[in-house]
C-alpha cells in the first residue's frame, strides 16, 4: 500500500462525485490501530449512476476489475446476487499496472445501510483529499462479522481504542 496511490484513488473518486466509504484495514489504521494492510476496501453506493462513476474514476488511474465485469453488470442487483450465491463473491478486485502496490476491493453488496453509514462516516482530510471512513461501531461490527483471526484482532484493538476515547471524554 502506498500513500500516494491511496490519495490518487480517493482524489479520482471525489472528482467523479462517487459516493464511497473506506472500510477494512485502512479504516482500522485511520481509527488508530497501526497494522499493515495491502489493499483499499471500499463500500460504494450501488446505484447505477454511482457504480458507473466509480468504474470511470478508477479507470482514469488504470484500474480494471481482475475478472471481466463491466460497470453495467456490477450495477445489476440480480447479477451481483448471482455472484454472491454461486461464486461466494464478496468483493470485486481492481488492479492497476500504474499502482501495483495498491489493489482496490469494492464490496459486491452493502454490508450496512449505506445512507445512514455515509452520513455517520468520519470525514478526514488526507493531504488535502477528503476521505469518508466508516464509523468505529460499524467497523467493529463488520470485523466481528467477518470472523477471520485478523478481523477479530482488529475488533479487539478497536474496542480498546474506543474505550480509551470514552475514558478521555469522561475526564473532560
N, C-alpha and C. Protein backbone atom coordinates (compact mmCIF):
# COMPACT_ATOMS: atom_id res chain seq x y z
N UNK A 1 0.85 -1.17 0.00
CA UNK A 1 0.00 0.00 0.00
C UNK A 1 0.90 1.23 0.00
N UNK A 2 0.62 2.11 -0.91
CA UNK A 2 1.38 3.35 -0.99
C UNK A 2 0.45 4.53 -0.76
N UNK A 3 0.89 5.47 0.07
CA UNK A 3 0.07 6.63 0.40
C UNK A 3 -0.29 7.42 -0.86
N UNK A 4 0.65 7.60 -1.78
CA UNK A 4 0.34 8.38 -2.98
C UNK A 4 -0.72 7.68 -3.82
N UNK A 5 -0.72 6.36 -3.83
CA UNK A 5 -1.75 5.61 -4.56
C UNK A 5 -3.10 5.78 -3.89
N UNK A 6 -3.11 5.66 -2.57
CA UNK A 6 -4.34 5.86 -1.81
C UNK A 6 -4.93 7.23 -2.10
N UNK A 7 -4.08 8.25 -2.03
CA UNK A 7 -4.54 9.61 -2.30
C UNK A 7 -5.05 9.76 -3.73
N UNK A 8 -4.37 9.16 -4.68
CA UNK A 8 -4.79 9.26 -6.08
C UNK A 8 -6.15 8.62 -6.29
N UNK A 9 -6.36 7.46 -5.69
CA UNK A 9 -7.66 6.77 -5.82
C UNK A 9 -8.76 7.61 -5.20
N UNK A 10 -8.55 8.08 -4.00
CA UNK A 10 -9.59 8.85 -3.32
C UNK A 10 -9.85 10.17 -4.05
N UNK A 11 -8.81 10.80 -4.54
CA UNK A 11 -8.98 12.06 -5.29
C UNK A 11 -9.81 11.80 -6.55
N UNK A 12 -9.49 10.73 -7.29
CA UNK A 12 -10.23 10.41 -8.52
C UNK A 12 -11.70 10.13 -8.22
N UNK A 13 -11.97 9.41 -7.15
CA UNK A 13 -13.35 9.12 -6.76
C UNK A 13 -14.08 10.42 -6.39
N UNK A 14 -13.41 11.30 -5.66
CA UNK A 14 -14.02 12.58 -5.28
C UNK A 14 -14.32 13.44 -6.50
N UNK A 15 -13.36 13.53 -7.42
CA UNK A 15 -13.55 14.34 -8.63
C UNK A 15 -14.74 13.82 -9.42
N UNK A 16 -14.90 12.50 -9.45
CA UNK A 16 -16.01 11.89 -10.19
C UNK A 16 -17.35 12.02 -9.46
N UNK A 17 -17.30 12.46 -8.21
CA UNK A 17 -18.53 12.55 -7.42
C UNK A 17 -19.05 11.19 -6.97
N UNK A 18 -18.15 10.21 -6.88
CA UNK A 18 -18.53 8.86 -6.46
C UNK A 18 -18.71 8.81 -4.95
N UNK A 19 -19.82 8.21 -4.54
CA UNK A 19 -20.09 8.06 -3.11
C UNK A 19 -19.55 6.72 -2.63
N UNK A 20 -18.57 6.79 -1.72
CA UNK A 20 -17.97 5.58 -1.20
C UNK A 20 -17.51 5.80 0.23
N UNK A 21 -17.31 4.68 0.92
CA UNK A 21 -16.88 4.71 2.32
C UNK A 21 -15.69 3.77 2.44
N UNK A 22 -14.61 4.26 3.03
CA UNK A 22 -13.44 3.44 3.29
C UNK A 22 -13.72 2.50 4.46
N UNK A 23 -13.48 1.21 4.25
CA UNK A 23 -13.64 0.20 5.29
C UNK A 23 -12.37 -0.65 5.31
N UNK A 24 -12.37 -1.74 6.04
CA UNK A 24 -11.24 -2.66 6.02
C UNK A 24 -10.03 -2.15 6.77
N UNK A 25 -8.87 -2.66 6.38
CA UNK A 25 -7.63 -2.37 7.09
C UNK A 25 -7.26 -0.90 7.13
N UNK A 26 -7.50 -0.18 6.03
CA UNK A 26 -7.19 1.25 6.03
C UNK A 26 -8.07 2.00 7.02
N UNK A 27 -9.32 1.59 7.16
CA UNK A 27 -10.20 2.22 8.15
C UNK A 27 -9.72 1.90 9.56
N UNK A 28 -9.24 0.68 9.76
CA UNK A 28 -8.70 0.29 11.07
C UNK A 28 -7.53 1.21 11.42
N UNK A 29 -6.63 1.41 10.46
CA UNK A 29 -5.49 2.30 10.68
C UNK A 29 -5.96 3.72 10.94
N UNK A 30 -6.93 4.18 10.18
CA UNK A 30 -7.44 5.55 10.36
C UNK A 30 -8.05 5.76 11.73
N UNK A 31 -8.61 4.70 12.30
CA UNK A 31 -9.19 4.80 13.64
C UNK A 31 -8.16 4.62 14.74
N UNK A 32 -6.89 4.39 14.37
CA UNK A 32 -5.83 4.43 15.37
C UNK A 32 -5.14 3.13 15.70
N UNK A 33 -5.49 2.03 15.06
CA UNK A 33 -4.77 0.77 15.30
C UNK A 33 -3.79 0.54 14.17
N UNK A 34 -2.50 0.72 14.46
CA UNK A 34 -1.47 0.57 13.44
C UNK A 34 -1.25 -0.88 13.08
N UNK A 35 -1.54 -1.18 11.85
CA UNK A 35 -1.27 -2.53 11.34
C UNK A 35 -1.08 -2.44 9.84
N UNK A 36 -0.47 -3.47 9.29
CA UNK A 36 -0.20 -3.48 7.85
C UNK A 36 -1.47 -3.87 7.09
N UNK A 37 -1.63 -3.28 5.94
CA UNK A 37 -2.69 -3.67 5.03
C UNK A 37 -2.15 -3.48 3.62
N UNK A 38 -2.62 -4.27 2.70
CA UNK A 38 -2.06 -4.18 1.36
C UNK A 38 -3.06 -3.68 0.32
N UNK A 39 -4.32 -3.45 0.73
CA UNK A 39 -5.31 -3.02 -0.25
C UNK A 39 -6.22 -1.97 0.34
N UNK A 40 -7.05 -1.41 -0.54
CA UNK A 40 -8.09 -0.47 -0.12
C UNK A 40 -9.41 -1.19 -0.26
N UNK A 41 -10.21 -1.15 0.79
CA UNK A 41 -11.55 -1.75 0.75
C UNK A 41 -12.57 -0.62 0.78
N UNK A 42 -13.48 -0.66 -0.21
CA UNK A 42 -14.50 0.38 -0.33
C UNK A 42 -15.89 -0.22 -0.39
N UNK A 43 -16.80 0.41 0.31
CA UNK A 43 -18.22 0.14 0.12
C UNK A 43 -18.73 1.34 -0.67
N UNK A 44 -19.36 1.06 -1.80
CA UNK A 44 -19.85 2.14 -2.65
C UNK A 44 -21.37 2.09 -2.70
N UNK A 45 -21.95 3.24 -2.93
CA UNK A 45 -23.38 3.33 -3.19
C UNK A 45 -23.62 2.55 -4.48
N UNK A 46 -24.46 1.52 -4.43
CA UNK A 46 -24.63 0.61 -5.56
C UNK A 46 -25.68 1.07 -6.57
N UNK A 47 -26.09 2.32 -6.48
CA UNK A 47 -26.98 2.86 -7.51
C UNK A 47 -26.21 2.93 -8.83
N UNK A 48 -26.91 2.65 -9.92
CA UNK A 48 -26.30 2.52 -11.25
C UNK A 48 -25.37 3.69 -11.59
N UNK A 49 -25.82 4.92 -11.42
CA UNK A 49 -25.00 6.08 -11.78
C UNK A 49 -23.73 6.15 -10.94
N UNK A 50 -23.85 5.81 -9.66
CA UNK A 50 -22.67 5.86 -8.80
C UNK A 50 -21.68 4.76 -9.17
N UNK A 51 -22.18 3.57 -9.47
CA UNK A 51 -21.29 2.48 -9.89
C UNK A 51 -20.52 2.90 -11.14
N UNK A 52 -21.21 3.51 -12.08
CA UNK A 52 -20.55 3.99 -13.30
C UNK A 52 -19.45 5.00 -12.95
N UNK A 53 -19.75 5.94 -12.04
CA UNK A 53 -18.74 6.92 -11.63
C UNK A 53 -17.52 6.25 -10.98
N UNK A 54 -17.76 5.23 -10.16
CA UNK A 54 -16.66 4.51 -9.51
C UNK A 54 -15.77 3.84 -10.56
N UNK A 55 -16.39 3.09 -11.48
CA UNK A 55 -15.61 2.41 -12.52
C UNK A 55 -14.84 3.42 -13.37
N UNK A 56 -15.49 4.52 -13.74
CA UNK A 56 -14.82 5.52 -14.57
C UNK A 56 -13.67 6.18 -13.82
N UNK A 57 -13.88 6.51 -12.55
CA UNK A 57 -12.83 7.15 -11.76
C UNK A 57 -11.62 6.22 -11.62
N UNK A 58 -11.88 4.96 -11.31
CA UNK A 58 -10.77 4.00 -11.17
C UNK A 58 -10.06 3.81 -12.51
N UNK A 59 -10.82 3.81 -13.59
CA UNK A 59 -10.22 3.63 -14.92
C UNK A 59 -9.26 4.77 -15.27
N UNK A 60 -9.52 5.98 -14.77
CA UNK A 60 -8.61 7.10 -15.06
C UNK A 60 -7.22 6.84 -14.51
N UNK A 61 -7.12 5.93 -13.53
CA UNK A 61 -5.83 5.58 -12.93
C UNK A 61 -5.34 4.22 -13.43
N UNK A 62 -6.02 3.69 -14.43
CA UNK A 62 -5.61 2.40 -14.98
C UNK A 62 -6.17 1.20 -14.25
N UNK A 63 -7.07 1.41 -13.31
CA UNK A 63 -7.66 0.29 -12.57
C UNK A 63 -8.70 -0.40 -13.42
N UNK A 64 -8.63 -1.73 -13.41
CA UNK A 64 -9.58 -2.59 -14.10
C UNK A 64 -9.94 -3.74 -13.18
N UNK A 65 -11.17 -4.24 -13.27
CA UNK A 65 -11.51 -5.44 -12.49
C UNK A 65 -10.63 -6.62 -12.93
N UNK A 66 -10.27 -7.47 -11.99
CA UNK A 66 -9.46 -8.64 -12.31
C UNK A 66 -10.26 -9.70 -13.05
N UNK A 67 -11.59 -9.62 -12.98
CA UNK A 67 -12.46 -10.52 -13.74
C UNK A 67 -13.26 -9.66 -14.72
N UNK A 68 -13.76 -10.26 -15.79
CA UNK A 68 -14.45 -9.46 -16.81
C UNK A 68 -15.83 -8.99 -16.36
N UNK A 69 -15.85 -7.86 -15.67
CA UNK A 69 -17.09 -7.27 -15.17
C UNK A 69 -17.14 -5.81 -15.63
N UNK A 70 -18.27 -5.42 -16.17
CA UNK A 70 -18.47 -4.03 -16.57
C UNK A 70 -19.22 -3.28 -15.47
N UNK A 71 -19.22 -1.97 -15.58
CA UNK A 71 -19.98 -1.17 -14.63
C UNK A 71 -21.46 -1.53 -14.70
N UNK A 72 -21.98 -1.74 -15.90
CA UNK A 72 -23.40 -2.11 -16.05
C UNK A 72 -23.71 -3.44 -15.38
N UNK A 73 -22.81 -4.40 -15.55
CA UNK A 73 -23.00 -5.70 -14.90
C UNK A 73 -22.95 -5.58 -13.39
N UNK A 74 -22.00 -4.80 -12.90
CA UNK A 74 -21.84 -4.63 -11.45
C UNK A 74 -23.03 -3.88 -10.86
N UNK A 75 -23.62 -2.99 -11.61
CA UNK A 75 -24.76 -2.21 -11.13
C UNK A 75 -26.04 -3.02 -11.07
N UNK A 76 -26.06 -4.18 -11.70
CA UNK A 76 -27.26 -5.03 -11.77
C UNK A 76 -27.38 -5.87 -10.49
N UNK A 77 -28.39 -5.59 -9.65
CA UNK A 77 -28.53 -6.32 -8.39
C UNK A 77 -28.67 -7.83 -8.58
N UNK A 78 -29.36 -8.26 -9.62
CA UNK A 78 -29.53 -9.71 -9.86
C UNK A 78 -28.19 -10.35 -10.21
N UNK A 79 -27.38 -9.66 -10.97
CA UNK A 79 -26.06 -10.18 -11.34
C UNK A 79 -25.18 -10.31 -10.10
N UNK A 80 -25.18 -9.26 -9.27
CA UNK A 80 -24.38 -9.31 -8.04
C UNK A 80 -24.86 -10.44 -7.14
N UNK A 81 -26.17 -10.60 -7.02
CA UNK A 81 -26.71 -11.68 -6.18
C UNK A 81 -26.26 -13.04 -6.69
N UNK A 82 -26.23 -13.20 -8.00
CA UNK A 82 -25.76 -14.45 -8.60
C UNK A 82 -24.29 -14.70 -8.25
N UNK A 83 -23.46 -13.67 -8.32
CA UNK A 83 -22.04 -13.83 -7.97
C UNK A 83 -21.89 -14.22 -6.50
N UNK A 84 -22.70 -13.59 -5.65
CA UNK A 84 -22.64 -13.88 -4.22
C UNK A 84 -23.07 -15.33 -3.97
N UNK A 85 -24.19 -15.71 -4.55
CA UNK A 85 -24.77 -17.04 -4.29
C UNK A 85 -23.99 -18.16 -4.95
N UNK A 86 -23.49 -17.96 -6.15
CA UNK A 86 -22.88 -19.05 -6.91
C UNK A 86 -21.36 -19.03 -6.93
N UNK A 87 -20.77 -17.89 -6.62
CA UNK A 87 -19.30 -17.79 -6.67
C UNK A 87 -18.72 -17.36 -5.32
N UNK A 88 -19.60 -17.17 -4.32
CA UNK A 88 -19.17 -16.71 -2.99
C UNK A 88 -18.36 -15.41 -3.07
N UNK A 89 -18.73 -14.57 -3.99
CA UNK A 89 -18.02 -13.31 -4.19
C UNK A 89 -18.44 -12.30 -3.12
N UNK A 90 -17.46 -11.68 -2.50
CA UNK A 90 -17.76 -10.63 -1.52
C UNK A 90 -17.27 -9.26 -1.99
N UNK A 91 -16.18 -9.27 -2.77
CA UNK A 91 -15.64 -8.01 -3.31
C UNK A 91 -15.24 -8.21 -4.76
N UNK A 92 -15.23 -7.13 -5.49
CA UNK A 92 -14.70 -7.10 -6.85
C UNK A 92 -13.32 -6.47 -6.75
N UNK A 93 -12.30 -7.20 -7.18
CA UNK A 93 -10.92 -6.74 -7.10
C UNK A 93 -10.55 -5.93 -8.32
N UNK A 94 -9.94 -4.76 -8.08
CA UNK A 94 -9.43 -3.90 -9.15
C UNK A 94 -7.91 -3.84 -9.03
N UNK A 95 -7.24 -3.82 -10.17
CA UNK A 95 -5.78 -3.75 -10.21
C UNK A 95 -5.37 -2.71 -11.26
N UNK A 96 -4.27 -2.04 -10.98
CA UNK A 96 -3.72 -1.07 -11.93
C UNK A 96 -2.22 -1.32 -12.10
N UNK A 97 -1.76 -1.37 -13.33
CA UNK A 97 -0.32 -1.50 -13.57
C UNK A 97 0.43 -0.28 -13.06
N UNK A 98 -0.23 0.87 -13.05
CA UNK A 98 0.41 2.10 -12.57
C UNK A 98 0.47 2.18 -11.05
N UNK A 99 -0.41 1.45 -10.37
CA UNK A 99 -0.49 1.48 -8.91
C UNK A 99 -0.50 0.04 -8.38
N UNK A 100 0.49 -0.74 -8.80
CA UNK A 100 0.54 -2.16 -8.47
C UNK A 100 0.48 -2.45 -6.97
N UNK A 101 1.06 -1.59 -6.16
CA UNK A 101 1.14 -1.84 -4.72
C UNK A 101 -0.17 -1.55 -4.00
N UNK A 102 -1.19 -1.07 -4.73
CA UNK A 102 -2.43 -0.68 -4.08
C UNK A 102 -3.65 -1.21 -4.83
N UNK A 103 -3.96 -2.49 -4.63
CA UNK A 103 -5.20 -3.00 -5.21
C UNK A 103 -6.41 -2.39 -4.49
N UNK A 104 -7.52 -2.35 -5.18
CA UNK A 104 -8.76 -1.80 -4.62
C UNK A 104 -9.83 -2.88 -4.67
N UNK A 105 -10.46 -3.12 -3.54
CA UNK A 105 -11.57 -4.08 -3.45
C UNK A 105 -12.86 -3.32 -3.19
N UNK A 106 -13.88 -3.58 -4.02
CA UNK A 106 -15.18 -2.94 -3.87
C UNK A 106 -16.19 -4.01 -3.47
N UNK A 107 -16.87 -3.78 -2.37
CA UNK A 107 -17.86 -4.74 -1.88
C UNK A 107 -18.97 -4.95 -2.90
N UNK A 108 -19.39 -6.20 -3.06
CA UNK A 108 -20.42 -6.56 -4.01
C UNK A 108 -21.81 -6.25 -3.47
N UNK A 109 -21.94 -6.24 -2.15
CA UNK A 109 -23.19 -5.78 -1.54
C UNK A 109 -22.84 -4.89 -0.37
N UNK A 110 -23.76 -4.01 -0.06
CA UNK A 110 -23.54 -3.09 1.05
C UNK A 110 -23.73 -3.86 2.36
N UNK A 111 -22.70 -3.93 3.21
CA UNK A 111 -22.79 -4.69 4.46
C UNK A 111 -23.51 -3.93 5.57
N UNK A 112 -24.06 -2.79 5.22
CA UNK A 112 -24.79 -1.94 6.17
C UNK A 112 -25.69 -1.03 5.36
N UNK A 113 -26.56 -0.30 6.05
CA UNK A 113 -27.39 0.68 5.36
C UNK A 113 -26.47 1.80 4.87
N UNK A 114 -26.32 1.92 3.56
CA UNK A 114 -25.34 2.85 3.01
C UNK A 114 -25.63 4.28 3.41
N UNK A 115 -26.87 4.73 3.26
CA UNK A 115 -27.20 6.14 3.53
C UNK A 115 -26.86 6.54 4.96
N UNK A 116 -27.28 5.72 5.91
CA UNK A 116 -27.03 6.02 7.32
C UNK A 116 -25.54 6.03 7.61
N UNK A 117 -24.84 5.03 7.11
CA UNK A 117 -23.41 4.93 7.38
C UNK A 117 -22.65 6.05 6.68
N UNK A 118 -23.07 6.43 5.49
CA UNK A 118 -22.44 7.53 4.77
C UNK A 118 -22.57 8.82 5.58
N UNK A 119 -23.75 9.04 6.12
CA UNK A 119 -23.97 10.24 6.94
C UNK A 119 -23.18 10.21 8.24
N UNK A 120 -22.98 9.01 8.82
CA UNK A 120 -22.27 8.87 10.09
C UNK A 120 -20.76 8.69 9.92
N UNK A 121 -20.30 8.62 8.67
CA UNK A 121 -18.88 8.38 8.42
C UNK A 121 -18.03 9.52 8.97
N UNK A 122 -16.83 9.17 9.35
CA UNK A 122 -15.83 10.16 9.75
C UNK A 122 -15.26 10.75 8.47
N UNK A 123 -15.29 12.05 8.36
CA UNK A 123 -14.74 12.71 7.17
C UNK A 123 -13.36 13.23 7.55
N UNK A 124 -12.35 12.67 6.88
CA UNK A 124 -10.97 13.03 7.19
C UNK A 124 -10.34 13.72 5.99
N UNK A 125 -9.35 14.54 6.28
CA UNK A 125 -8.56 15.19 5.24
C UNK A 125 -7.19 14.51 5.22
N UNK A 126 -6.89 13.84 4.13
CA UNK A 126 -5.60 13.17 3.98
C UNK A 126 -4.82 13.91 2.91
N UNK A 127 -3.92 14.78 3.37
CA UNK A 127 -3.11 15.60 2.46
C UNK A 127 -3.97 16.31 1.42
N UNK A 128 -5.06 16.91 1.89
CA UNK A 128 -5.93 17.68 1.02
C UNK A 128 -6.98 16.88 0.28
N UNK A 129 -7.07 15.59 0.56
CA UNK A 129 -8.06 14.73 -0.08
C UNK A 129 -9.08 14.30 0.96
N UNK A 130 -10.35 14.57 0.67
CA UNK A 130 -11.42 14.16 1.59
C UNK A 130 -11.66 12.66 1.50
N UNK A 131 -11.73 12.01 2.66
CA UNK A 131 -11.97 10.57 2.73
C UNK A 131 -13.07 10.32 3.75
N UNK A 132 -14.09 9.58 3.34
CA UNK A 132 -15.14 9.15 4.27
C UNK A 132 -14.77 7.79 4.79
N UNK A 133 -14.64 7.69 6.12
CA UNK A 133 -14.21 6.46 6.78
C UNK A 133 -15.36 5.94 7.62
N UNK A 134 -15.63 4.66 7.51
CA UNK A 134 -16.72 4.06 8.27
C UNK A 134 -16.55 4.39 9.76
N UNK A 135 -17.67 4.67 10.43
CA UNK A 135 -17.61 5.00 11.86
C UNK A 135 -17.14 3.78 12.66
N UNK A 136 -16.59 4.02 13.83
CA UNK A 136 -15.98 2.98 14.65
C UNK A 136 -16.94 1.84 15.01
N UNK A 137 -18.16 2.11 15.52
CA UNK A 137 -19.04 0.98 15.85
C UNK A 137 -19.38 0.09 14.66
N UNK A 138 -19.58 0.71 13.49
CA UNK A 138 -19.89 -0.08 12.30
C UNK A 138 -18.68 -0.89 11.86
N UNK A 139 -17.49 -0.30 11.94
CA UNK A 139 -16.28 -1.03 11.58
C UNK A 139 -16.07 -2.22 12.50
N UNK A 140 -16.26 -2.03 13.79
CA UNK A 140 -16.12 -3.15 14.73
C UNK A 140 -17.11 -4.25 14.39
N UNK A 141 -18.34 -3.89 14.11
CA UNK A 141 -19.36 -4.89 13.76
C UNK A 141 -18.96 -5.64 12.48
N UNK A 142 -18.45 -4.92 11.48
CA UNK A 142 -18.01 -5.57 10.25
C UNK A 142 -16.89 -6.56 10.51
N UNK A 143 -15.93 -6.15 11.33
CA UNK A 143 -14.79 -7.00 11.63
C UNK A 143 -15.23 -8.26 12.38
N UNK A 144 -16.15 -8.08 13.32
CA UNK A 144 -16.62 -9.24 14.08
C UNK A 144 -17.43 -10.18 13.20
N UNK A 145 -18.22 -9.62 12.29
CA UNK A 145 -19.00 -10.46 11.40
C UNK A 145 -18.11 -11.23 10.43
N UNK A 146 -17.02 -10.62 9.98
CA UNK A 146 -16.09 -11.30 9.07
C UNK A 146 -15.50 -12.54 9.75
N UNK A 147 -15.16 -12.40 11.03
CA UNK A 147 -14.77 -13.54 11.84
C UNK A 147 -13.39 -14.13 11.61
N UNK A 148 -12.63 -13.62 10.66
CA UNK A 148 -11.26 -14.13 10.48
C UNK A 148 -10.41 -13.68 11.66
N UNK A 149 -9.33 -14.39 11.91
CA UNK A 149 -8.47 -14.07 13.06
C UNK A 149 -8.01 -12.62 13.02
N UNK A 150 -7.56 -12.13 11.87
CA UNK A 150 -7.09 -10.75 11.77
C UNK A 150 -8.22 -9.76 12.05
N UNK A 151 -9.43 -10.08 11.57
CA UNK A 151 -10.57 -9.19 11.79
C UNK A 151 -10.96 -9.15 13.26
N UNK A 152 -10.94 -10.30 13.92
CA UNK A 152 -11.27 -10.34 15.35
C UNK A 152 -10.23 -9.60 16.16
N UNK A 153 -8.96 -9.71 15.75
CA UNK A 153 -7.90 -8.96 16.42
C UNK A 153 -8.10 -7.46 16.21
N UNK A 154 -8.45 -7.08 14.99
CA UNK A 154 -8.74 -5.66 14.71
C UNK A 154 -9.88 -5.17 15.61
N UNK A 155 -10.95 -5.95 15.70
CA UNK A 155 -12.11 -5.56 16.50
C UNK A 155 -11.72 -5.38 17.96
N UNK A 156 -10.90 -6.30 18.46
CA UNK A 156 -10.44 -6.21 19.86
C UNK A 156 -9.67 -4.91 20.08
N UNK A 157 -8.73 -4.61 19.20
CA UNK A 157 -7.94 -3.39 19.35
C UNK A 157 -8.81 -2.13 19.17
N UNK A 158 -9.74 -2.17 18.24
CA UNK A 158 -10.62 -1.02 18.03
C UNK A 158 -11.51 -0.79 19.25
N UNK A 159 -11.97 -1.86 19.86
CA UNK A 159 -12.77 -1.70 21.09
C UNK A 159 -11.95 -1.02 22.18
N UNK A 160 -10.70 -1.44 22.31
CA UNK A 160 -9.81 -0.82 23.30
C UNK A 160 -9.62 0.67 23.00
N UNK A 161 -9.42 0.99 21.73
CA UNK A 161 -9.27 2.39 21.34
C UNK A 161 -10.55 3.17 21.64
N UNK A 162 -11.69 2.56 21.34
CA UNK A 162 -12.98 3.20 21.63
C UNK A 162 -13.16 3.43 23.11
N UNK A 163 -12.71 2.47 23.93
CA UNK A 163 -12.80 2.62 25.38
C UNK A 163 -11.91 3.76 25.85
N UNK A 164 -10.72 3.87 25.25
CA UNK A 164 -9.82 4.97 25.59
C UNK A 164 -10.45 6.32 25.27
N UNK A 165 -11.12 6.40 24.11
CA UNK A 165 -11.78 7.65 23.73
C UNK A 165 -12.91 7.97 24.72
N UNK A 166 -13.67 6.95 25.11
CA UNK A 166 -14.76 7.17 26.06
C UNK A 166 -14.20 7.63 27.40
N UNK A 167 -13.10 7.02 27.84
CA UNK A 167 -12.50 7.43 29.12
C UNK A 167 -12.03 8.87 29.06
N UNK A 168 -11.43 9.25 27.94
CA UNK A 168 -10.96 10.62 27.80
C UNK A 168 -12.11 11.61 27.83
N UNK A 169 -13.24 11.25 27.24
CA UNK A 169 -14.40 12.14 27.22
C UNK A 169 -14.96 12.30 28.62
N UNK A 170 -14.90 11.24 29.41
CA UNK A 170 -15.43 11.31 30.78
C UNK A 170 -14.59 12.22 31.66
N UNK A 171 -13.30 12.34 31.36
CA UNK A 171 -12.41 13.13 32.20
C UNK A 171 -12.54 14.63 31.93
N UNK A 172 -13.18 15.00 30.85
CA UNK A 172 -13.26 16.42 30.50
C UNK A 172 -14.26 17.15 31.33
